[in-house]
Amino acid sequence: MRNLSDIGRIFYGIAVAGLGFQTIYYDDFPYMLIPPEHSWTPGLALMAYISGAALILGGGCLAFKKNTRLPIS
């Protein structure tokens, strides 16, 4: 069962990273992230690049099982 869990985590990470690549490639958000009537938003391309990069980074961390912990002082 552990092996099946690892395979699922890897495929989920690949899917999240793929969504990030689509966000960057099309310079726009997929309709599943925000509603379609968002063209009035200023700086939309910049937000698409930043969120696409975050999705790619998050998908890579999911696929390669990299965990980060925030230091709480």
PDB file of N, CA and C in Angstrom:
ATOM      1  N   MET A   1       0.818  -1.194   0.000  1.00  0.00           N
ATOM      2  CA  MET A   1       0.000   0.000   0.000  1.00  0.00           C
ATOM      3  C   MET A   1       0.865   1.262   0.000  1.00  0.00           C
ATOM      4  N   ARG A   2       2.007   1.205   0.614  1.00  0.00           N
ATOM      5  CA  ARG A   2       2.912   2.358   0.648  1.00  0.00           C
ATOM      6  C   ARG A   2       3.375   2.731  -0.754  1.00  0.00           C
ATOM      7  N   ASN A   3       3.644   1.728  -1.576  1.00  0.00           N
ATOM      8  CA  ASN A   3       4.104   1.969  -2.932  1.00  0.00           C
ATOM      9  C   ASN A   3       3.024   2.675  -3.751  1.00  0.00           C
ATOM     10  N   LEU A   4       1.773   2.284  -3.577  1.00  0.00           N
ATOM     11  CA  LEU A   4       0.660   2.896  -4.288  1.00  0.00           C
ATOM     12  C   LEU A   4       0.489   4.355  -3.862  1.00  0.00           C
ATOM     13  N   SER A   5       0.715   4.647  -2.613  1.00  0.00           N
ATOM     14  CA  SER A   5       0.634   6.007  -2.115  1.00  0.00           C
ATOM     15  C   SER A   5       1.718   6.882  -2.740  1.00  0.00           C
ATOM     16  N   ASP A   6       2.919   6.344  -2.876  1.00  0.00           N
ATOM     17  CA  ASP A   6       4.006   7.100  -3.503  1.00  0.00           C
ATOM     18  C   ASP A   6       3.719   7.376  -4.972  1.00  0.00           C
ATOM     19  N   ILE A   7       3.158   6.420  -5.667  1.00  0.00           N
ATOM     20  CA  ILE A   7       2.826   6.604  -7.078  1.00  0.00           C
ATOM     21  C   ILE A   7       1.753   7.676  -7.231  1.00  0.00           C
ATOM     22  N   GLY A   8       0.750   7.662  -6.377  1.00  0.00           N
ATOM     23  CA  GLY A   8      -0.293   8.679  -6.409  1.00  0.00           C
ATOM     24  C   GLY A   8       0.258  10.065  -6.127  1.00  0.00           C
ATOM     25  N   ARG A   9       1.155  10.180  -5.161  1.00  0.00           N
ATOM     26  CA  ARG A   9       1.777  11.468  -4.837  1.00  0.00           C
ATOM     27  C   ARG A   9       2.570  11.996  -6.014  1.00  0.00           C
ATOM     28  N   ILE A  10       3.302  11.130  -6.706  1.00  0.00           N
ATOM     29  CA  ILE A  10       4.108  11.547  -7.852  1.00  0.00           C
ATOM     30  C   ILE A  10       3.213  12.033  -8.988  1.00  0.00           C
ATOM     31  N   PHE A  11       2.154  11.297  -9.291  1.00  0.00           N
ATOM     32  CA  PHE A  11       1.258  11.718 -10.366  1.00  0.00           C
ATOM     33  C   PHE A  11       0.515  13.005 -10.016  1.00  0.00           C
ATOM     34  N   TYR A  12       0.153  13.174  -8.765  1.00  0.00           N
ATOM     35  CA  TYR A  12      -0.501  14.416  -8.348  1.00  0.00           C
ATOM     36  C   TYR A  12       0.465  15.591  -8.482  1.00  0.00           C
ATOM     37  N   GLY A  13       1.728  15.399  -8.106  1.00  0.00           N
ATOM     38  CA  GLY A  13       2.732  16.449  -8.262  1.00  0.00           C
ATOM     39  C   GLY A  13       2.948  16.808  -9.721  1.00  0.00           C
ATOM     40  N   ILE A  14       2.941  15.813 -10.600  1.00  0.00           N
ATOM     41  CA  ILE A  14       3.096  16.073 -12.034  1.00  0.00           C
ATOM     42  C   ILE A  14       1.907  16.867 -12.561  1.00  0.00           C
ATOM     43  N   ALA A  15       0.702  16.538 -12.096  1.00  0.00           N
ATOM     44  CA  ALA A  15      -0.490  17.259 -12.540  1.00  0.00           C
ATOM     45  C   ALA A  15      -0.466  18.719 -12.075  1.00  0.00           C
ATOM     46  N   VAL A  16      -0.038  18.964 -10.859  1.00  0.00           N
ATOM     47  CA  VAL A  16       0.046  20.342 -10.349  1.00  0.00           C
ATOM     48  C   VAL A  16       1.095  21.125 -11.128  1.00  0.00           C
ATOM     49  N   ALA A  17       2.248  20.514 -11.396  1.00  0.00           N
ATOM     50  CA  ALA A  17       3.285  21.183 -12.176  1.00  0.00           C
ATOM     51  C   ALA A  17       2.803  21.440 -13.606  1.00  0.00           C
ATOM     52  N   GLY A  18       2.052  20.512 -14.176  1.00  0.00           N
ATOM     53  CA  GLY A  18       1.505  20.719 -15.517  1.00  0.00           C
ATOM     54  C   GLY A  18       0.549  21.897 -15.564  1.00  0.00           C
ATOM     55  N   LEU A  19      -0.237  22.077 -14.521  1.00  0.00           N
ATOM     56  CA  LEU A  19      -1.121  23.238 -14.437  1.00  0.00           C
ATOM     57  C   LEU A  19      -0.304  24.530 -14.374  1.00  0.00           C
ATOM     58  N   GLY A  20       0.833  24.491 -13.680  1.00  0.00           N
ATOM     59  CA  GLY A  20       1.714  25.653 -13.637  1.00  0.00           C
ATOM     60  C   GLY A  20       2.312  25.963 -14.996  1.00  0.00           C
ATOM     61  N   PHE A  21       2.713  24.934 -15.741  1.00  0.00           N
ATOM     62  CA  PHE A  21       3.250  25.153 -17.085  1.00  0.00           C
ATOM     63  C   PHE A  21       2.184  25.735 -18.012  1.00  0.00           C
ATOM     64  N   GLN A  22       0.948  25.278 -17.887  1.00  0.00           N
ATOM     65  CA  GLN A  22      -0.122  25.835 -18.708  1.00  0.00           C
ATOM     66  C   GLN A  22      -0.380  27.294 -18.361  1.00  0.00           C
ATOM     67  N   THR A  23      -0.313  27.631 -17.097  1.00  0.00           N
ATOM     68  CA  THR A  23      -0.534  29.008 -16.678  1.00  0.00           C
ATOM     69  C   THR A  23       0.522  29.924 -17.273  1.00  0.00           C
ATOM     70  N   ILE A  24       1.772  29.487 -17.284  1.00  0.00           N
ATOM     71  CA  ILE A  24       2.844  30.305 -17.849  1.00  0.00           C
ATOM     72  C   ILE A  24       2.754  30.338 -19.371  1.00  0.00           C
ATOM     73  N   TYR A  25       2.470  29.217 -19.996  1.00  0.00           N
ATOM     74  CA  TYR A  25       2.450  29.140 -21.453  1.00  0.00           C
ATOM     75  C   TYR A  25       1.376  30.041 -22.067  1.00  0.00           C
ATOM     76  N   TYR A  26       0.181  30.038 -21.481  1.00  0.00           N
ATOM     77  CA  TYR A  26      -0.917  30.814 -22.026  1.00  0.00           C
ATOM     78  C   TYR A  26      -0.985  32.236 -21.472  1.00  0.00           C
ATOM     79  N   ASP A  27      -0.109  32.618 -20.572  1.00  0.00           N
ATOM     80  CA  ASP A  27      -0.116  33.943 -19.924  1.00  0.00           C
ATOM     81  C   ASP A  27      -1.476  34.288 -19.328  1.00  0.00           C
ATOM     82  N   ASP A  28      -2.166  33.302 -18.861  1.00  0.00           N
ATOM     83  CA  ASP A  28      -3.501  33.495 -18.328  1.00  0.00           C
ATOM     84  C   ASP A  28      -3.795  32.369 -17.345  1.00  0.00           C
ATOM     85  N   PHE A  29      -4.779  32.561 -16.527  1.00  0.00           N
ATOM     86  CA  PHE A  29      -5.148  31.536 -15.561  1.00  0.00           C
ATOM     87  C   PHE A  29      -6.107  30.536 -16.195  1.00  0.00           C
ATOM     88  N   PRO A  30      -5.950  29.265 -15.915  1.00  0.00           N
ATOM     89  CA  PRO A  30      -6.978  28.314 -16.355  1.00  0.00           C
ATOM     90  C   PRO A  30      -8.295  28.615 -15.651  1.00  0.00           C
ATOM     91  N   TYR A  31      -9.403  28.289 -16.293  1.00  0.00           N
ATOM     92  CA  TYR A  31     -10.707  28.615 -15.737  1.00  0.00           C
ATOM     93  C   TYR A  31     -10.981  27.907 -14.424  1.00  0.00           C
ATOM     94  N   MET A  32     -10.225  26.868 -14.114  1.00  0.00           N
ATOM     95  CA  MET A  32     -10.461  26.178 -12.858  1.00  0.00           C
ATOM     96  C   MET A  32      -9.848  26.923 -11.672  1.00  0.00           C
ATOM     97  N   LEU A  33      -8.953  27.875 -11.929  1.00  0.00           N
ATOM     98  CA  LEU A  33      -8.330  28.619 -10.828  1.00  0.00           C
ATOM     99  C   LEU A  33      -9.127  29.859 -10.449  1.00  0.00           C
ATOM    100  N   ILE A  34      -9.504  30.670 -11.457  1.00  0.00           N
ATOM    101  CA  ILE A  34     -10.318  31.856 -11.191  1.00  0.00           C
ATOM    102  C   ILE A  34     -11.383  31.947 -12.278  1.00  0.00           C
ATOM    103  N   PRO A  35     -12.471  32.677 -12.043  1.00  0.00           N
ATOM    104  CA  PRO A  35     -13.557  32.759 -13.036  1.00  0.00           C
ATOM    105  C   PRO A  35     -13.094  33.393 -14.348  1.00  0.00           C
ATOM    106  N   PRO A  36     -13.793  33.143 -15.446  1.00  0.00           N
ATOM    107  CA  PRO A  36     -13.368  33.645 -16.753  1.00  0.00           C
ATOM    108  C   PRO A  36     -13.437  35.161 -16.912  1.00  0.00           C
ATOM    109  N   GLU A  37     -14.212  35.868 -16.145  1.00  0.00           N
ATOM    110  CA  GLU A  37     -14.338  37.321 -16.288  1.00  0.00           C
ATOM    111  C   GLU A  37     -13.273  38.038 -15.459  1.00  0.00           C
ATOM    112  N   HIS A  38     -12.029  37.822 -15.759  1.00  0.00           N
ATOM    113  CA  HIS A  38     -10.948  38.402 -14.973  1.00  0.00           C
ATOM    114  C   HIS A  38     -10.006  39.258 -15.807  1.00  0.00           C
ATOM    115  N   SER A  39     -10.363  39.588 -17.054  1.00  0.00           N
ATOM    116  CA  SER A  39      -9.447  40.318 -17.924  1.00  0.00           C
ATOM    117  C   SER A  39      -9.244  41.765 -17.477  1.00  0.00           C
ATOM    118  N   TRP A  40     -10.074  42.296 -16.614  1.00  0.00           N
ATOM    119  CA  TRP A  40      -9.942  43.669 -16.145  1.00  0.00           C
ATOM    120  C   TRP A  40      -8.857  43.823 -15.082  1.00  0.00           C
ATOM    121  N   THR A  41      -8.342  42.728 -14.552  1.00  0.00           N
ATOM    122  CA  THR A  41      -7.387  42.772 -13.453  1.00  0.00           C
ATOM    123  C   THR A  41      -6.051  43.331 -13.939  1.00  0.00           C
ATOM    124  N   PRO A  42      -5.524  44.394 -13.303  1.00  0.00           N
ATOM    125  CA  PRO A  42      -4.223  44.926 -13.717  1.00  0.00           C
ATOM    126  C   PRO A  42      -3.091  43.986 -13.297  1.00  0.00           C
ATOM    127  N   GLY A  43      -2.098  43.844 -14.159  1.00  0.00           N
ATOM    128  CA  GLY A  43      -0.950  42.987 -13.859  1.00  0.00           C
ATOM    129  C   GLY A  43      -1.277  41.510 -13.945  1.00  0.00           C
ATOM    130  N   LEU A  44      -2.213  41.145 -14.797  1.00  0.00           N
ATOM    131  CA  LEU A  44      -2.667  39.759 -14.874  1.00  0.00           C
ATOM    132  C   LEU A  44      -1.561  38.832 -15.364  1.00  0.00           C
ATOM    133  N   ALA A  45      -0.775  39.277 -16.346  1.00  0.00           N
ATOM    134  CA  ALA A  45       0.302  38.426 -16.868  1.00  0.00           C
ATOM    135  C   ALA A  45       1.356  38.177 -15.790  1.00  0.00           C
ATOM    136  N   LEU A  46       1.693  39.202 -15.028  1.00  0.00           N
ATOM    137  CA  LEU A  46       2.681  39.036 -13.959  1.00  0.00           C
ATOM    138  C   LEU A  46       2.166  38.078 -12.891  1.00  0.00           C
ATOM    139  N   MET A  47       0.891  38.205 -12.532  1.00  0.00           N
ATOM    140  CA  MET A  47       0.317  37.283 -11.551  1.00  0.00           C
ATOM    141  C   MET A  47       0.265  35.864 -12.089  1.00  0.00           C
ATOM    142  N   ALA A  48       0.032  35.731 -13.397  1.00  0.00           N
ATOM    143  CA  ALA A  48       0.010  34.401 -14.003  1.00  0.00           C
ATOM    144  C   ALA A  48       1.396  33.773 -13.950  1.00  0.00           C
ATOM    145  N   TYR A  49       2.435  34.546 -14.239  1.00  0.00           N
ATOM    146  CA  TYR A  49       3.798  34.014 -14.177  1.00  0.00           C
ATOM    147  C   TYR A  49       4.181  33.612 -12.752  1.00  0.00           C
ATOM    148  N   ILE A  50       3.847  34.452 -11.793  1.00  0.00           N
ATOM    149  CA  ILE A  50       4.207  34.159 -10.403  1.00  0.00           C
ATOM    150  C   ILE A  50       3.456  32.928  -9.896  1.00  0.00           C
ATOM    151  N   SER A  51       2.151  32.862 -10.157  1.00  0.00           N
ATOM    152  CA  SER A  51       1.405  31.708  -9.683  1.00  0.00           C
ATOM    153  C   SER A  51       1.780  30.444 -10.449  1.00  0.00           C
ATOM    154  N   GLY A  52       2.119  30.573 -11.739  1.00  0.00           N
ATOM    155  CA  GLY A  52       2.586  29.419 -12.500  1.00  0.00           C
ATOM    156  C   GLY A  52       3.890  28.874 -11.949  1.00  0.00           C
ATOM    157  N   ALA A  53       4.809  29.783 -11.614  1.00  0.00           N
ATOM    158  CA  ALA A  53       6.082  29.344 -11.021  1.00  0.00           C
ATOM    159  C   ALA A  53       5.857  28.686  -9.660  1.00  0.00           C
ATOM    160  N   ALA A  54       4.919  29.227  -8.881  1.00  0.00           N
ATOM    161  CA  ALA A  54       4.621  28.625  -7.578  1.00  0.00           C
ATOM    162  C   ALA A  54       4.006  27.237  -7.747  1.00  0.00           C
ATOM    163  N   LEU A  55       3.140  27.068  -8.753  1.00  0.00           N
ATOM    164  CA  LEU A  55       2.544  25.753  -8.995  1.00  0.00           C
ATOM    165  C   LEU A  55       3.595  24.749  -9.461  1.00  0.00           C
ATOM    166  N   ILE A  56       4.518  25.187 -10.308  1.00  0.00           N
ATOM    167  CA  ILE A  56       5.585  24.293 -10.763  1.00  0.00           C
ATOM    168  C   ILE A  56       6.469  23.884  -9.587  1.00  0.00           C
ATOM    169  N   LEU A  57       6.818  24.854  -8.759  1.00  0.00           N
ATOM    170  CA  LEU A  57       7.648  24.558  -7.591  1.00  0.00           C
ATOM    171  C   LEU A  57       6.911  23.632  -6.615  1.00  0.00           C
ATOM    172  N   GLY A  58       5.643  23.916  -6.392  1.00  0.00           N
ATOM    173  CA  GLY A  58       4.866  23.062  -5.503  1.00  0.00           C
ATOM    174  C   GLY A  58       4.681  21.657  -6.045  1.00  0.00           C
ATOM    175  N   GLY A  59       4.446  21.541  -7.343  1.00  0.00           N
ATOM    176  CA  GLY A  59       4.313  20.227  -7.955  1.00  0.00           C
ATOM    177  C   GLY A  59       5.601  19.428  -7.899  1.00  0.00           C
ATOM    178  N   GLY A  60       6.729  20.110  -8.093  1.00  0.00           N
ATOM    179  CA  GLY A  60       8.016  19.432  -7.966  1.00  0.00           C
ATOM    180  C   GLY A  60       8.287  18.970  -6.546  1.00  0.00           C
ATOM    181  N   CYS A  61       7.916  19.801  -5.586  1.00  0.00           N
ATOM    182  CA  CYS A  61       8.093  19.409  -4.185  1.00  0.00           C
ATOM    183  C   CYS A  61       7.194  18.234  -3.814  1.00  0.00           C
ATOM    184  N   LEU A  62       5.980  18.203  -4.364  1.00  0.00           N
ATOM    185  CA  LEU A  62       5.105  17.063  -4.114  1.00  0.00           C
ATOM    186  C   LEU A  62       5.660  15.791  -4.738  1.00  0.00           C
ATOM    187  N   ALA A  63       6.130  15.904  -5.977  1.00  0.00           N
ATOM    188  CA  ALA A  63       6.604  14.720  -6.692  1.00  0.00           C
ATOM    189  C   ALA A  63       7.876  14.152  -6.072  1.00  0.00           C
ATOM    190  N   PHE A  64       8.763  15.036  -5.610  1.00  0.00           N
ATOM    191  CA  PHE A  64      10.030  14.572  -5.060  1.00  0.00           C
ATOM    192  C   PHE A  64      10.040  14.489  -3.539  1.00  0.00           C
ATOM    193  N   LYS A  65       8.867  14.697  -2.924  1.00  0.00           N
ATOM    194  CA  LYS A  65       8.674  14.558  -1.475  1.00  0.00           C
ATOM    195  C   LYS A  65       9.605  15.469  -0.671  1.00  0.00           C
ATOM    196  N   LYS A  66       9.616  16.730  -1.076  1.00  0.00           N
ATOM    197  CA  LYS A  66      10.393  17.727  -0.349  1.00  0.00           C
ATOM    198  C   LYS A  66       9.457  18.507   0.555  1.00  0.00           C
ATOM    199  N   ASN A  67       9.661  18.439   1.826  1.00  0.00           N
ATOM    200  CA  ASN A  67       8.823  19.130   2.804  1.00  0.00           C
ATOM    201  C   ASN A  67       9.596  20.298   3.392  1.00  0.00           C
ATOM    202  N   THR A  68       8.911  21.390   3.607  1.00  0.00           N
ATOM    203  CA  THR A  68       9.526  22.513   4.276  1.00  0.00           C
ATOM    204  C   THR A  68       8.726  22.828   5.537  1.00  0.00           C
ATOM    205  N   ARG A  69       9.410  23.259   6.533  1.00  0.00           N
ATOM    206  CA  ARG A  69       8.760  23.654   7.770  1.00  0.00           C
ATOM    207  C   ARG A  69       9.174  25.084   8.092  1.00  0.00           C
ATOM    208  N   LEU A  70       8.187  25.881   8.446  1.00  0.00           N
ATOM    209  CA  LEU A  70       8.464  27.258   8.796  1.00  0.00           C
ATOM    210  C   LEU A  70       8.955  27.306  10.245  1.00  0.00           C
ATOM    211  N   PRO A  71      10.038  28.038  10.476  1.00  0.00           N
ATOM    212  CA  PRO A  71      10.508  28.156  11.854  1.00  0.00           C
ATOM    213  C   PRO A  71       9.555  29.035  12.676  1.00  0.00           C
ATOM    214  N   ILE A  72       9.080  28.499  13.758  1.00  0.00           N
ATOM    215  CA  ILE A  72       8.181  29.250  14.637  1.00  0.00           C
ATOM    216  C   ILE A  72       8.947  29.551  15.926  1.00  0.00           C
ATOM    217  N   SER A  73       9.125  30.827  16.162  1.00  0.00           N
ATOM    218  CA  SER A  73       9.895  31.244  17.338  1.00  0.00           C
ATOM    219  C   SER A  73       9.002  31.718  18.438  1.00  0.00           C
TER     220      SER A  73
END
